[in-house]
Protein backbone atom coordinates (compact mmCIF):
# COMPACT_ATOMS: atom_id res chain seq x y z
CA MET A 1 80.96 78.89 115.72
CA ILE A 2 79.51 82.37 115.22
CA SER A 3 78.48 84.72 117.96
CA VAL A 4 75.10 86.49 117.30
CA VAL A 5 74.44 89.73 119.42
CA ILE A 6 71.04 91.19 119.77
CA PRO A 7 70.70 94.50 121.68
CA CYS A 8 67.15 94.74 123.04
CA TYR A 9 65.19 97.80 124.39
CA ASN A 10 61.42 97.63 124.75
CA SER A 11 61.26 95.06 121.96
CA GLU A 12 58.81 92.35 123.53
CA LYS A 13 56.46 92.52 120.59
CA PHE A 14 59.01 91.95 117.80
CA VAL A 15 62.26 90.49 119.10
CA GLY A 16 60.89 86.96 118.70
CA ARG A 17 61.08 87.38 115.01
CA ALA A 18 64.93 88.23 115.18
CA ILE A 19 65.53 85.45 117.52
CA GLU A 20 63.59 82.88 115.42
CA SER A 21 65.62 83.99 112.29
CA VAL A 22 68.75 82.80 114.13
CA PHE A 23 67.05 79.56 115.01
CA HIS A 24 66.19 79.04 111.27
CA GLN A 25 69.67 79.53 109.89
CA SER A 26 71.04 76.76 107.71
CA TYR A 27 74.54 77.19 109.66
CA GLY A 28 73.84 75.87 113.14
CA ASP A 29 77.07 76.34 114.92
CA TRP A 30 76.17 79.50 116.82
CA LYS A 31 75.78 81.06 120.22
CA LEU A 32 73.22 83.86 120.80
CA PHE A 33 73.73 86.70 123.37
CA LEU A 34 70.67 88.63 124.08
CA VAL A 35 71.42 91.93 125.79
CA ASP A 36 68.64 93.87 127.60
CA ASN A 37 69.14 97.60 127.45
CA ASN A 38 66.92 99.03 130.25
CA SER A 39 63.77 97.77 128.77
CA SER A 40 60.59 99.09 130.66
CA ASP A 41 58.21 96.39 129.12
CA ASN A 42 58.39 92.63 129.17
CA THR A 43 61.46 92.28 127.04
CA LEU A 44 63.63 90.80 129.69
CA GLU A 45 60.88 88.13 130.35
CA VAL A 46 60.72 87.30 126.78
CA LEU A 47 64.36 86.90 126.48
CA LEU A 48 64.57 84.50 129.57
CA ARG A 49 61.86 82.27 128.17
CA TYR A 50 63.85 81.92 124.94
CA GLN A 51 66.99 81.25 127.12
CA GLN A 52 65.15 78.33 128.91
CA LYS A 53 64.33 76.74 125.43
CA ARG A 54 68.03 76.62 124.39
CA PRO A 55 70.28 77.19 127.51
CA ASP A 56 73.20 75.84 125.79
CA GLN A 57 73.08 78.19 122.86
CA ILE A 58 71.55 81.35 124.42
CA LYS A 59 72.66 83.77 127.17
CA VAL A 60 70.88 86.75 128.46
CA LEU A 61 72.85 89.78 129.50
CA THR A 62 71.90 93.12 130.83
CA GLU A 63 73.44 96.47 130.20
CA THR A 64 72.59 99.64 132.14
CA LYS A 65 74.34 102.18 130.03
CA ARG A 66 71.80 103.38 127.48
CA GLY A 67 72.16 102.83 123.73
CA ALA A 68 72.52 100.06 121.31
CA PRO A 69 76.38 100.64 120.98
CA ALA A 70 76.77 99.89 124.78
CA ALA A 71 74.73 96.77 124.44
CA ARG A 72 76.65 95.66 121.44
CA ASN A 73 79.89 96.15 123.30
CA LYS A 74 78.45 94.10 126.28
CA GLY A 75 77.87 91.22 123.85
CA LEU A 76 81.10 91.80 122.26
CA GLY A 77 82.97 91.37 125.46
CA GLU A 78 81.30 88.02 126.16
CA CYS A 79 82.30 86.51 122.68
CA ASN A 80 85.33 84.68 122.03
CA THR A 81 84.46 83.62 118.27
CA GLU A 82 86.18 84.79 115.24
CA TRP A 83 83.00 86.09 113.67
CA ILE A 84 80.16 88.06 115.16
CA GLN A 85 76.63 88.77 113.63
CA PHE A 86 75.15 91.93 115.21
CA LEU A 87 71.42 91.77 114.75
CA ASP A 88 69.06 94.60 115.83
CA ALA A 89 66.06 93.23 117.66
CA ASP A 90 63.54 94.69 114.87
CA ASP A 91 65.36 92.97 112.07
CA GLN A 92 65.51 89.55 110.56
CA LEU A 93 68.16 87.35 108.97
CA MET A 94 67.56 85.35 105.78
CA PRO A 95 67.90 81.61 106.51
CA ASP A 96 71.24 81.24 104.60
CA LYS A 97 72.83 84.40 105.72
CA LEU A 98 75.54 82.92 107.97
CA GLU A 99 76.44 80.12 105.75
CA ARG A 100 76.73 82.12 102.56
CA GLN A 101 78.87 84.72 104.18
CA LEU A 102 81.04 82.20 105.87
CA LYS A 103 81.79 80.76 102.71
CA ILE A 104 82.93 84.13 101.38
CA VAL A 105 85.50 84.64 104.01
CA ASP A 106 86.66 80.99 103.71
CA ASN A 107 88.06 81.99 100.24
CA ILE A 108 88.92 85.65 100.83
CA ASP A 109 90.84 87.04 103.78
CA SER A 110 88.66 90.03 105.01
CA GLY A 111 87.48 91.37 108.34
CA LEU A 112 84.05 92.56 107.21
CA VAL A 113 81.50 91.16 104.84
CA VAL A 114 79.01 93.82 103.45
CA GLY A 115 75.63 92.30 102.77
CA ASN A 116 72.50 93.42 100.75
CA PHE A 117 69.35 94.17 102.63
CA ALA A 118 65.83 95.41 102.10
CA ARG A 119 63.69 97.76 104.21
CA ILE A 120 60.27 96.62 105.07
CA PHE A 121 57.46 99.17 105.45
CA THR A 122 53.95 98.39 106.39
CA VAL A 123 51.48 100.76 104.64
CA LEU A 124 47.81 100.30 105.09
CA GLY A 125 48.31 96.68 106.40
CA ARG A 126 50.49 95.64 103.44
CA GLU A 127 54.21 95.18 103.51
CA ILE A 128 56.39 97.22 100.86
CA MET A 129 60.03 96.17 100.27
CA VAL A 130 62.53 98.50 99.25
CA LYS A 131 65.89 97.23 98.32
CA LYS A 132 69.26 98.92 98.85
CA PRO A 133 72.14 96.97 97.45
CA PRO A 134 75.71 97.91 98.45
CA LEU A 135 77.81 99.97 96.27
CA THR A 136 80.72 97.50 95.28
CA GLY A 137 84.00 98.63 93.90
CA ASP A 138 85.38 101.61 95.84
CA VAL A 139 84.80 101.01 99.46
CA TRP A 140 85.30 104.57 100.29
CA LYS A 141 82.79 105.92 98.01
CA ALA A 142 80.33 103.17 99.41
CA LEU A 143 81.05 104.38 103.06
CA LEU A 144 80.60 108.08 102.09
CA SER A 145 77.21 107.47 100.48
CA ALA A 146 75.87 105.05 103.10
CA ARG A 147 76.06 102.10 100.71
CA LEU A 148 78.24 99.79 102.60
CA GLY A 149 75.44 97.59 104.05
CA ILE A 150 73.96 97.88 107.40
CA THR A 151 74.50 96.44 110.98
CA SER A 152 72.31 93.27 110.63
CA ALA A 153 73.13 92.54 106.94
CA ASN A 154 76.94 92.70 107.46
CA LEU A 155 79.16 89.88 109.22
CA TRP A 156 81.98 91.32 111.55
CA ARG A 157 85.31 89.86 112.41
CA ARG A 158 85.91 90.27 116.12
CA LYS A 159 89.59 91.00 116.20
CA ASP A 160 89.02 93.84 113.54
CA ILE A 161 86.32 95.29 115.94
CA ILE A 162 88.58 95.13 119.00
CA LYS A 163 91.52 96.70 117.24
CA VAL A 164 89.45 99.93 117.01
CA ASN A 165 88.07 99.76 120.49
CA GLY A 166 84.52 98.57 119.56
CA TRP A 167 81.38 100.55 118.99
CA ASP A 168 81.33 104.28 119.94
CA GLU A 169 78.95 104.54 122.91
CA ALA A 170 78.61 108.29 122.54
CA LEU A 171 76.80 108.10 119.17
CA SER A 172 73.03 108.10 118.71
CA SER A 173 73.09 107.15 115.01
CA SER A 174 75.45 106.38 112.12
CA GLN A 175 77.00 103.85 114.61
CA GLU A 176 77.86 101.10 112.21
CA TYR A 177 79.35 103.52 109.57
CA ASP A 178 81.41 105.14 112.25
CA LEU A 179 82.56 101.52 113.17
CA MET A 180 83.26 100.59 109.48
CA PHE A 181 85.04 104.00 108.99
CA ARG A 182 87.56 103.25 111.83
CA MET A 183 88.01 99.66 110.69
CA LEU A 184 88.81 100.64 107.24
CA LYS A 185 91.31 103.11 108.46
CA SER A 186 93.05 100.36 110.50
CA GLY A 187 93.54 98.30 107.40
CA THR A 188 90.42 95.89 107.40
CA ARG A 189 89.60 94.30 104.15
CA VAL A 190 86.20 94.14 102.84
CA SER A 191 84.38 91.27 100.90
CA PHE A 192 80.71 91.81 99.28
CA ASP A 193 77.87 89.36 99.53
CA VAL A 194 75.68 90.36 96.55
CA PRO A 195 72.95 90.05 95.07
CA ASP A 196 71.21 88.01 97.55
CA ILE A 197 69.41 89.76 100.43
CA SER A 198 70.99 88.97 103.76
CA ALA A 199 68.58 90.69 106.11
CA TYR A 200 65.14 92.41 106.32
CA ILE A 201 65.26 95.85 108.14
CA TYR A 202 61.84 96.42 109.57
CA TYR A 203 60.37 100.07 109.99
CA VAL A 204 58.90 100.02 113.46
CA ARG A 205 57.28 102.55 115.44
CA ASN A 206 59.96 103.03 118.10
CA SER A 207 62.79 103.00 115.48
CA ILE A 208 65.33 105.79 115.77
CA THR A 209 64.34 106.76 112.16
CA ARG A 210 60.94 107.77 113.39
CA ASN A 211 61.98 109.82 116.44
CA LYS A 212 59.97 113.02 116.63
CA ASP A 213 61.98 114.73 119.36
CA PRO A 214 63.42 117.87 117.77
CA LYS A 215 66.58 117.83 120.16
CA LYS A 216 67.28 114.14 119.35
CA ASN A 217 66.77 114.62 115.61
CA GLU A 218 69.26 117.48 115.76
CA ILE A 219 71.72 115.24 117.41
CA ILE A 220 71.12 112.47 114.87
CA LEU A 221 71.67 114.97 111.88
CA HIS A 222 74.78 116.20 113.62
CA ASP A 223 76.30 112.67 113.92
CA HIS A 224 75.37 111.95 110.30
CA LEU A 225 77.05 115.12 108.90
CA ASN A 226 80.12 114.99 111.30
CA LEU A 227 80.88 111.36 110.02
CA ARG A 228 81.04 112.51 106.48
CA PHE A 229 83.28 115.36 107.37
CA ARG A 230 85.56 113.10 109.20
CA ILE A 231 85.65 110.83 106.17
CA ARG A 232 86.55 113.74 103.81
CA GLU A 233 89.14 114.99 106.03
CA TYR A 234 90.86 111.69 106.14
CA LEU A 235 90.82 111.04 102.54
CA LYS A 236 92.15 114.32 101.83
CA ASP A 237 94.98 113.63 104.21
CA VAL A 238 95.94 110.47 102.61
CA GLY A 239 95.40 111.99 99.10
CA CYS A 240 92.40 109.97 97.99
CA TRP A 241 89.83 112.59 97.69
CA ASN A 242 88.80 113.51 94.11
CA VAL A 243 86.13 115.20 92.01
CA ASP A 244 83.78 112.21 92.19
CA MET A 245 83.89 112.11 95.92
CA ASP A 246 83.23 115.64 96.11
CA ILE A 247 80.01 115.21 93.97
CA ILE A 248 78.96 112.35 96.26
CA PHE A 249 79.83 114.22 99.52
CA ASN A 250 77.46 117.19 98.55
CA ASP A 251 74.79 114.79 97.38
CA VAL A 252 74.79 112.80 100.74
CA LEU A 253 74.69 115.99 102.74
CA TYR A 254 71.74 117.21 100.93
CA SER A 255 70.01 113.83 101.33
CA LEU A 256 70.69 113.74 105.02
CA LEU A 257 69.35 117.35 105.42
CA MET A 258 66.23 116.63 103.38
CA ASP A 259 65.79 113.41 105.59
CA LYS A 260 65.28 115.57 108.70
CA TYR A 261 63.71 118.59 106.97
CA LEU A 262 59.93 117.72 108.27
CA GLN A 263 61.31 117.16 111.76
CA ILE A 264 63.60 120.18 112.23
CA PRO A 265 62.95 122.47 109.18
CA GLU A 266 64.61 125.66 110.89
CA VAL A 267 67.76 123.64 111.69
CA VAL A 268 67.97 122.00 108.19
CA ASN A 269 67.49 125.50 106.47
CA LYS A 270 70.21 126.80 108.57
CA LYS A 271 72.60 123.97 107.89
CA TYR A 272 71.81 124.08 104.18
CA HIS A 273 72.86 127.87 103.90
CA GLU A 274 76.02 127.31 105.95
CA LEU A 275 77.19 124.41 103.82
CA LYS A 276 76.55 126.22 100.58
CA LEU A 277 75.86 122.79 98.81
CA LYS A 278 76.01 122.80 95.15
CA ILE A 279 73.05 120.37 94.03
CA PRO A 280 71.71 120.39 90.61
CA ILE A 281 67.97 121.12 90.39
CA LYS A 282 66.99 117.54 89.26
CA LYS A 283 68.52 115.99 92.28
CA ARG A 284 67.03 118.70 94.57
CA VAL A 285 63.54 117.73 93.16
CA LYS A 286 64.35 113.96 93.60
CA GLN A 287 65.48 114.29 97.11
CA ARG A 288 62.34 116.48 97.99
CA THR A 289 60.02 113.96 96.27
CA THR A 290 61.66 111.14 98.43
CA MET A 291 61.24 113.21 101.48
CA PHE A 292 57.54 113.55 100.99
CA ILE A 293 57.14 109.85 100.05
CA LYS A 294 58.74 108.94 103.25
CA ARG A 295 56.46 111.32 105.08
CA ILE A 296 53.46 109.70 103.54
CA ILE A 297 54.70 106.23 104.52
CA SER A 298 55.23 107.39 108.11
CA VAL A 299 51.78 108.58 108.36
CA LEU A 300 50.20 105.65 106.86
CA SER A 301 52.24 102.90 108.60
C-alpha cells in the first residue's frame, strides 16, 4: 500500500482534481490522507464529502499550525506504509505514476524516486505546458540547480523522511529541496523516473509563486538563497565542490534573484551587489527575458 498525503488550504475549487487523479491511478492499493490546514472557505466540507464516498480509503485530518510542511508532517504521522506520495492540492498525478515508480524501487534500492513534471499555465483561456525534466547523473548538481523533481512528481520512502525528522515547518518555500538535501546527507539513494511525466503542476492564483506581499517574497528569496549556501558549505566540507558546481551556483543564485525582481526590486538589487555574482552577459539577458515572460503570463492568466 502507498499513503497519499494532500495538504489543503483554501482549495475547494481545485482539490477535487488532485483527489480524482489518485482515484484514477492504475495502482489501486493506496490510502489517502486529506489534511485541512486552517481553510477559511469550504475546503473541509469538500474533503469530508470525498471521505464519505470512500471511507475505507480516505481519512480527513486537520492541522492548525499553518503551512504545508506542518500539514504534510501531520499526514506523515498517520502513515505506516513504506512509500508516501505527497501531492499538493493544486497538482495532478498522471494515471500510471504510482505503478511506474513502484516498479523502479522494486529493482533498485533507493529512498527517493525523482520524477519528471510539467507546469501548466492558463493564458487567455488556453493551457500552456512547460516541461522541466530532472537532471540525471550527479544528484548534487541536480539538487543545487533545482532539477531534482518537485514534491508531487517524486515518490518518498517513509523511513528516510523520518530519519531526518520530516519536513521543516519553519520554511515558507524550497521545502522539498531542503528535505531532499537532508535526506542525501543522511545517505538516501536516488532513482530517476524519466522521461515520462509524473505530475502536472498547476499555476493557480493563490500559489506561493504568485504572492505579491513584499515581506513574504523577501522571506521566500531568503529561504531559496540560504539553502544553496548550505549545500555549498556541505559539499566544500566533504571535498565535493568543484568548478562546475561554482558555475551552477552563480547561475542559480542569479536566476533566483531575477525571479523576485519584479516583486522586490530594491531587495534584489542589494543582494545582487552583495553577492558579486559572475554571470556572462548572455545568461543575464536570458534570465531577464525569462523574468519578463513570467510577468506577462502572470498578468494574462
